């Protein structure tokens, strides 16, 4: 049995994760005076982690219903 998180919770987790990682990157870049390239590599690592969770079907994003095709009534 795989561990799965429902779509709404996945959307909230991904949004919170994105905000926190951006905050961490900006704060670290400002305090430690790192180069832009190091910040980009850190950002790519954060994205790969969340991408892997989506590919493993742990997170099941619904993207807040933005990309759902509307069903026409026949």
PDB file of N, CA and C in Angstrom:
ATOM      1  N   UNK A   1       0.836  -1.176   0.000  1.00  0.00           N
ATOM      2  CA  UNK A   1       0.000   0.000   0.000  1.00  0.00           C
ATOM      3  C   UNK A   1       0.885   1.245   0.000  1.00  0.00           C
ATOM      4  N   UNK A   2       0.668   2.092  -0.976  1.00  0.00           N
ATOM      5  CA  UNK A   2       1.439   3.317  -1.073  1.00  0.00           C
ATOM      6  C   UNK A   2       0.804   4.412  -0.222  1.00  0.00           C
ATOM      7  N   UNK A   3       1.653   5.276   0.272  1.00  0.00           N
ATOM      8  CA  UNK A   3       1.183   6.422   1.027  1.00  0.00           C
ATOM      9  C   UNK A   3       0.797   7.513   0.037  1.00  0.00           C
ATOM     10  N   UNK A   4      -0.473   7.936   0.048  1.00  0.00           N
ATOM     11  CA  UNK A   4      -0.960   8.967  -0.864  1.00  0.00           C
ATOM     12  C   UNK A   4      -1.634  10.078  -0.073  1.00  0.00           C
ATOM     13  N   UNK A   5      -1.455  11.267  -0.547  1.00  0.00           N
ATOM     14  CA  UNK A   5      -2.089  12.432   0.059  1.00  0.00           C
ATOM     15  C   UNK A   5      -3.144  12.933  -0.916  1.00  0.00           C
ATOM     16  N   UNK A   6      -4.311  13.304  -0.400  1.00  0.00           N
ATOM     17  CA  UNK A   6      -5.391  13.724  -1.291  1.00  0.00           C
ATOM     18  C   UNK A   6      -5.031  15.012  -2.036  1.00  0.00           C
ATOM     19  N   UNK A   7      -5.725  15.298  -3.142  1.00  0.00           N
ATOM     20  CA  UNK A   7      -5.347  16.430  -4.000  1.00  0.00           C
ATOM     21  C   UNK A   7      -5.350  17.799  -3.317  1.00  0.00           C
ATOM     22  N   UNK A   8      -6.340  18.104  -2.522  1.00  0.00           N
ATOM     23  CA  UNK A   8      -6.376  19.419  -1.882  1.00  0.00           C
ATOM     24  C   UNK A   8      -5.220  19.586  -0.900  1.00  0.00           C
ATOM     25  N   UNK A   9      -4.956  18.572  -0.107  1.00  0.00           N
ATOM     26  CA  UNK A   9      -3.825  18.625   0.827  1.00  0.00           C
ATOM     27  C   UNK A   9      -2.506  18.715   0.063  1.00  0.00           C
ATOM     28  N   UNK A  10      -2.406  18.016  -1.067  1.00  0.00           N
ATOM     29  CA  UNK A  10      -1.195  18.085  -1.891  1.00  0.00           C
ATOM     30  C   UNK A  10      -0.977  19.500  -2.409  1.00  0.00           C
ATOM     31  N   UNK A  11      -2.039  20.148  -2.868  1.00  0.00           N
ATOM     32  CA  UNK A  11      -1.927  21.525  -3.348  1.00  0.00           C
ATOM     33  C   UNK A  11      -1.443  22.458  -2.246  1.00  0.00           C
ATOM     34  N   UNK A  12      -2.000  22.297  -1.055  1.00  0.00           N
ATOM     35  CA  UNK A  12      -1.610  23.149   0.066  1.00  0.00           C
ATOM     36  C   UNK A  12      -0.163  22.891   0.462  1.00  0.00           C
ATOM     37  N   UNK A  13       0.238  21.634   0.507  1.00  0.00           N
ATOM     38  CA  UNK A  13       1.621  21.280   0.863  1.00  0.00           C
ATOM     39  C   UNK A  13       2.599  21.845  -0.163  1.00  0.00           C
ATOM     40  N   UNK A  14       2.282  21.729  -1.444  1.00  0.00           N
ATOM     41  CA  UNK A  14       3.177  22.235  -2.492  1.00  0.00           C
ATOM     42  C   UNK A  14       3.287  23.753  -2.422  1.00  0.00           C
ATOM     43  N   UNK A  15       2.174  24.428  -2.168  1.00  0.00           N
ATOM     44  CA  UNK A  15       2.194  25.889  -2.066  1.00  0.00           C
ATOM     45  C   UNK A  15       3.028  26.341  -0.874  1.00  0.00           C
ATOM     46  N   UNK A  16       2.818  25.723   0.274  1.00  0.00           N
ATOM     47  CA  UNK A  16       3.596  26.077   1.465  1.00  0.00           C
ATOM     48  C   UNK A  16       5.077  25.767   1.238  1.00  0.00           C
ATOM     49  N   UNK A  17       5.366  24.637   0.621  1.00  0.00           N
ATOM     50  CA  UNK A  17       6.746  24.245   0.330  1.00  0.00           C
ATOM     51  C   UNK A  17       7.423  25.274  -0.580  1.00  0.00           C
ATOM     52  N   UNK A  18       6.694  25.726  -1.618  1.00  0.00           N
ATOM     53  CA  UNK A  18       7.266  26.705  -2.552  1.00  0.00           C
ATOM     54  C   UNK A  18       7.548  28.029  -1.848  1.00  0.00           C
ATOM     55  N   UNK A  19       6.647  28.487  -1.018  1.00  0.00           N
ATOM     56  CA  UNK A  19       6.845  29.754  -0.307  1.00  0.00           C
ATOM     57  C   UNK A  19       8.013  29.649   0.667  1.00  0.00           C
ATOM     58  N   UNK A  20       8.075  28.567   1.417  1.00  0.00           N
ATOM     59  CA  UNK A  20       9.161  28.397   2.393  1.00  0.00           C
ATOM     60  C   UNK A  20      10.519  28.281   1.705  1.00  0.00           C
ATOM     61  N   UNK A  21      10.588  27.513   0.621  1.00  0.00           N
ATOM     62  CA  UNK A  21      11.882  27.357  -0.053  1.00  0.00           C
ATOM     63  C   UNK A  21      12.336  28.665  -0.700  1.00  0.00           C
ATOM     64  N   UNK A  22      11.397  29.445  -1.238  1.00  0.00           N
ATOM     65  CA  UNK A  22      11.790  30.753  -1.775  1.00  0.00           C
ATOM     66  C   UNK A  22      12.301  31.663  -0.657  1.00  0.00           C
ATOM     67  N   UNK A  23      11.620  31.644   0.481  1.00  0.00           N
ATOM     68  CA  UNK A  23      12.068  32.447   1.618  1.00  0.00           C
ATOM     69  C   UNK A  23      13.462  32.018   2.071  1.00  0.00           C
ATOM     70  N   UNK A  24      13.678  30.718   2.182  1.00  0.00           N
ATOM     71  CA  UNK A  24      14.984  30.206   2.616  1.00  0.00           C
ATOM     72  C   UNK A  24      16.068  30.604   1.622  1.00  0.00           C
ATOM     73  N   UNK A  25      15.774  30.471   0.332  1.00  0.00           N
ATOM     74  CA  UNK A  25      16.772  30.835  -0.684  1.00  0.00           C
ATOM     75  C   UNK A  25      17.124  32.315  -0.610  1.00  0.00           C
ATOM     76  N   UNK A  26      16.118  33.181  -0.529  1.00  0.00           N
ATOM     77  CA  UNK A  26      16.391  34.619  -0.480  1.00  0.00           C
ATOM     78  C   UNK A  26      17.122  35.009   0.799  1.00  0.00           C
ATOM     79  N   UNK A  27      16.715  34.430   1.913  1.00  0.00           N
ATOM     80  CA  UNK A  27      17.361  34.748   3.188  1.00  0.00           C
ATOM     81  C   UNK A  27      18.814  34.257   3.191  1.00  0.00           C
ATOM     82  N   UNK A  28      19.034  33.040   2.734  1.00  0.00           N
ATOM     83  CA  UNK A  28      20.386  32.476   2.686  1.00  0.00           C
ATOM     84  C   UNK A  28      21.265  33.268   1.730  1.00  0.00           C
ATOM     85  N   UNK A  29      20.695  33.622   0.570  1.00  0.00           N
ATOM     86  CA  UNK A  29      21.471  34.364  -0.419  1.00  0.00           C
ATOM     87  C   UNK A  29      21.868  35.733   0.123  1.00  0.00           C
ATOM     88  N   UNK A  30      20.993  36.357   0.882  1.00  0.00           N
ATOM     89  CA  UNK A  30      21.266  37.682   1.432  1.00  0.00           C
ATOM     90  C   UNK A  30      22.279  37.615   2.571  1.00  0.00           C
ATOM     91  N   UNK A  31      22.121  36.648   3.478  1.00  0.00           N
ATOM     92  CA  UNK A  31      23.003  36.570   4.652  1.00  0.00           C
ATOM     93  C   UNK A  31      24.375  35.999   4.332  1.00  0.00           C
ATOM     94  N   UNK A  32      24.425  34.966   3.508  1.00  0.00           N
ATOM     95  CA  UNK A  32      25.686  34.285   3.251  1.00  0.00           C
ATOM     96  C   UNK A  32      26.432  34.863   2.052  1.00  0.00           C
ATOM     97  N   UNK A  33      25.771  35.740   1.323  1.00  0.00           N
ATOM     98  CA  UNK A  33      26.380  36.369   0.163  1.00  0.00           C
ATOM     99  C   UNK A  33      26.883  35.326  -0.835  1.00  0.00           C
ATOM    100  N   UNK A  34      26.003  34.397  -1.200  1.00  0.00           N
ATOM    101  CA  UNK A  34      26.348  33.356  -2.158  1.00  0.00           C
ATOM    102  C   UNK A  34      26.100  33.855  -3.569  1.00  0.00           C
ATOM    103  N   UNK A  35      26.686  33.168  -4.522  1.00  0.00           N
ATOM    104  CA  UNK A  35      26.516  33.575  -5.912  1.00  0.00           C
ATOM    105  C   UNK A  35      25.142  33.165  -6.430  1.00  0.00           C
ATOM    106  N   UNK A  36      24.779  33.739  -7.547  1.00  0.00           N
ATOM    107  CA  UNK A  36      23.495  33.419  -8.171  1.00  0.00           C
ATOM    108  C   UNK A  36      23.462  31.973  -8.618  1.00  0.00           C
ATOM    109  N   UNK A  37      24.569  31.454  -9.086  1.00  0.00           N
ATOM    110  CA  UNK A  37      24.629  30.073  -9.553  1.00  0.00           C
ATOM    111  C   UNK A  37      24.353  29.097  -8.404  1.00  0.00           C
ATOM    112  N   UNK A  38      24.911  29.366  -7.242  1.00  0.00           N
ATOM    113  CA  UNK A  38      24.641  28.508  -6.080  1.00  0.00           C
ATOM    114  C   UNK A  38      23.166  28.547  -5.699  1.00  0.00           C
ATOM    115  N   UNK A  39      22.556  29.716  -5.788  1.00  0.00           N
ATOM    116  CA  UNK A  39      21.145  29.843  -5.485  1.00  0.00           C
ATOM    117  C   UNK A  39      20.294  29.073  -6.501  1.00  0.00           C
ATOM    118  N   UNK A  40      20.677  29.120  -7.763  1.00  0.00           N
ATOM    119  CA  UNK A  40      19.950  28.374  -8.795  1.00  0.00           C
ATOM    120  C   UNK A  40      20.065  26.862  -8.582  1.00  0.00           C
ATOM    121  N   UNK A  41      21.236  26.401  -8.221  1.00  0.00           N
ATOM    122  CA  UNK A  41      21.424  24.971  -7.958  1.00  0.00           C
ATOM    123  C   UNK A  41      20.584  24.538  -6.758  1.00  0.00           C
ATOM    124  N   UNK A  42      20.546  25.357  -5.724  1.00  0.00           N
ATOM    125  CA  UNK A  42      19.730  25.041  -4.562  1.00  0.00           C
ATOM    126  C   UNK A  42      18.246  25.012  -4.941  1.00  0.00           C
ATOM    127  N   UNK A  43      17.807  25.940  -5.767  1.00  0.00           N
ATOM    128  CA  UNK A  43      16.424  25.962  -6.227  1.00  0.00           C
ATOM    129  C   UNK A  43      16.078  24.742  -7.063  1.00  0.00           C
ATOM    130  N   UNK A  44      16.986  24.316  -7.914  1.00  0.00           N
ATOM    131  CA  UNK A  44      16.759  23.121  -8.733  1.00  0.00           C
ATOM    132  C   UNK A  44      16.653  21.884  -7.842  1.00  0.00           C
ATOM    133  N   UNK A  45      17.466  21.821  -6.799  1.00  0.00           N
ATOM    134  CA  UNK A  45      17.379  20.686  -5.865  1.00  0.00           C
ATOM    135  C   UNK A  45      16.030  20.655  -5.159  1.00  0.00           C
ATOM    136  N   UNK A  46      15.534  21.821  -4.759  1.00  0.00           N
ATOM    137  CA  UNK A  46      14.210  21.889  -4.138  1.00  0.00           C
ATOM    138  C   UNK A  46      13.125  21.422  -5.105  1.00  0.00           C
ATOM    139  N   UNK A  47      13.226  21.831  -6.369  1.00  0.00           N
ATOM    140  CA  UNK A  47      12.226  21.445  -7.373  1.00  0.00           C
ATOM    141  C   UNK A  47      12.294  19.947  -7.659  1.00  0.00           C
ATOM    142  N   UNK A  48      13.482  19.394  -7.749  1.00  0.00           N
ATOM    143  CA  UNK A  48      13.628  17.960  -8.013  1.00  0.00           C
ATOM    144  C   UNK A  48      13.025  17.139  -6.879  1.00  0.00           C
ATOM    145  N   UNK A  49      13.174  17.595  -5.647  1.00  0.00           N
ATOM    146  CA  UNK A  49      12.596  16.874  -4.508  1.00  0.00           C
ATOM    147  C   UNK A  49      11.074  16.813  -4.614  1.00  0.00           C
ATOM    148  N   UNK A  50      10.427  17.944  -4.882  1.00  0.00           N
ATOM    149  CA  UNK A  50       8.970  17.955  -4.970  1.00  0.00           C
ATOM    150  C   UNK A  50       8.499  17.207  -6.218  1.00  0.00           C
ATOM    151  N   UNK A  51       9.254  17.293  -7.309  1.00  0.00           N
ATOM    152  CA  UNK A  51       8.926  16.564  -8.539  1.00  0.00           C
ATOM    153  C   UNK A  51       8.973  15.054  -8.286  1.00  0.00           C
ATOM    154  N   UNK A  52       9.965  14.595  -7.532  1.00  0.00           N
ATOM    155  CA  UNK A  52      10.071  13.171  -7.222  1.00  0.00           C
ATOM    156  C   UNK A  52       8.881  12.697  -6.390  1.00  0.00           C
ATOM    157  N   UNK A  53       8.432  13.513  -5.445  1.00  0.00           N
ATOM    158  CA  UNK A  53       7.259  13.136  -4.652  1.00  0.00           C
ATOM    159  C   UNK A  53       6.002  13.052  -5.516  1.00  0.00           C
ATOM    160  N   UNK A  54       5.891  13.917  -6.509  1.00  0.00           N
ATOM    161  CA  UNK A  54       4.739  13.858  -7.414  1.00  0.00           C
ATOM    162  C   UNK A  54       4.840  12.630  -8.309  1.00  0.00           C
ATOM    163  N   UNK A  55       6.018  12.333  -8.825  1.00  0.00           N
ATOM    164  CA  UNK A  55       6.209  11.172  -9.694  1.00  0.00           C
ATOM    165  C   UNK A  55       5.986   9.861  -8.956  1.00  0.00           C
ATOM    166  N   UNK A  56       6.324   9.815  -7.678  1.00  0.00           N
ATOM    167  CA  UNK A  56       6.111   8.611  -6.874  1.00  0.00           C
ATOM    168  C   UNK A  56       4.665   8.490  -6.400  1.00  0.00           C
ATOM    169  N   UNK A  57       3.835   9.456  -6.775  1.00  0.00           N
ATOM    170  CA  UNK A  57       2.410   9.493  -6.441  1.00  0.00           C
ATOM    171  C   UNK A  57       2.164   9.648  -4.940  1.00  0.00           C
ATOM    172  N   UNK A  58       3.130  10.205  -4.221  1.00  0.00           N
ATOM    173  CA  UNK A  58       2.904  10.537  -2.818  1.00  0.00           C
ATOM    174  C   UNK A  58       2.046  11.799  -2.763  1.00  0.00           C
ATOM    175  N   UNK A  59       2.413  12.773  -3.589  1.00  0.00           N
ATOM    176  CA  UNK A  59       1.604  13.979  -3.728  1.00  0.00           C
ATOM    177  C   UNK A  59       0.788  13.855  -5.008  1.00  0.00           C
ATOM    178  N   UNK A  60      -0.476  14.210  -4.931  1.00  0.00           N
ATOM    179  CA  UNK A  60      -1.372  14.133  -6.084  1.00  0.00           C
ATOM    180  C   UNK A  60      -2.003  15.503  -6.313  1.00  0.00           C
ATOM    181  N   UNK A  61      -1.252  16.414  -6.923  1.00  0.00           N
ATOM    182  CA  UNK A  61      -1.768  17.777  -7.043  1.00  0.00           C
ATOM    183  C   UNK A  61      -2.940  17.876  -8.010  1.00  0.00           C
ATOM    184  N   UNK A  62      -3.858  18.743  -7.665  1.00  0.00           N
ATOM    185  CA  UNK A  62      -5.009  19.044  -8.507  1.00  0.00           C
ATOM    186  C   UNK A  62      -4.848  20.440  -9.088  1.00  0.00           C
ATOM    187  N   UNK A  63      -3.811  21.157  -8.682  1.00  0.00           N
ATOM    188  CA  UNK A  63      -3.495  22.512  -9.096  1.00  0.00           C
ATOM    189  C   UNK A  63      -4.682  23.432  -8.842  1.00  0.00           C
ATOM    190  N   UNK A  64      -5.360  23.197  -7.714  1.00  0.00           N
ATOM    191  CA  UNK A  64      -6.498  23.982  -7.265  1.00  0.00           C
ATOM    192  C   UNK A  64      -7.618  24.015  -8.297  1.00  0.00           C
ATOM    193  N   UNK A  65      -7.703  22.975  -9.120  1.00  0.00           N
ATOM    194  CA  UNK A  65      -8.770  22.860 -10.106  1.00  0.00           C
ATOM    195  C   UNK A  65      -8.598  23.737 -11.328  1.00  0.00           C
ATOM    196  N   UNK A  66      -7.414  24.282 -11.536  1.00  0.00           N
ATOM    197  CA  UNK A  66      -7.207  25.193 -12.666  1.00  0.00           C
ATOM    198  C   UNK A  66      -7.163  24.488 -14.015  1.00  0.00           C
ATOM    199  N   UNK A  67      -6.686  23.262 -14.053  1.00  0.00           N
ATOM    200  CA  UNK A  67      -6.488  22.594 -15.328  1.00  0.00           C
ATOM    201  C   UNK A  67      -7.474  21.462 -15.578  1.00  0.00           C
ATOM    202  N   UNK A  68      -8.563  21.430 -14.840  1.00  0.00           N
ATOM    203  CA  UNK A  68      -9.572  20.407 -15.066  1.00  0.00           C
ATOM    204  C   UNK A  68     -10.402  20.764 -16.294  1.00  0.00           C
ATOM    205  N   UNK A  69     -10.537  19.847 -17.231  1.00  0.00           N
ATOM    206  CA  UNK A  69     -11.393  20.151 -18.389  1.00  0.00           C
ATOM    207  C   UNK A  69     -12.853  20.186 -17.966  1.00  0.00           C
ATOM    208  N   UNK A  70     -13.559  21.170 -18.475  1.00  0.00           N
ATOM    209  CA  UNK A  70     -14.973  21.256 -18.141  1.00  0.00           C
ATOM    210  C   UNK A  70     -15.757  20.278 -18.990  1.00  0.00           C
ATOM    211  N   UNK A  71     -16.628  19.555 -18.344  1.00  0.00           N
ATOM    212  CA  UNK A  71     -17.430  18.577 -19.051  1.00  0.00           C
ATOM    213  C   UNK A  71     -18.682  19.262 -19.574  1.00  0.00           C
ATOM    214  N   UNK A  72     -18.926  19.107 -20.859  1.00  0.00           N
ATOM    215  CA  UNK A  72     -20.123  19.721 -21.430  1.00  0.00           C
ATOM    216  C   UNK A  72     -21.320  18.799 -21.230  1.00  0.00           C
ATOM    217  N   UNK A  73     -22.458  19.412 -21.026  1.00  0.00           N
ATOM    218  CA  UNK A  73     -23.677  18.628 -20.833  1.00  0.00           C
ATOM    219  C   UNK A  73     -24.238  18.250 -22.196  1.00  0.00           C
ATOM    220  N   UNK A  74     -24.557  16.977 -22.331  1.00  0.00           N
ATOM    221  CA  UNK A  74     -25.083  16.520 -23.618  1.00  0.00           C
ATOM    222  C   UNK A  74     -26.579  16.378 -23.566  1.00  0.00           C
TER     223      UNK A  74
END
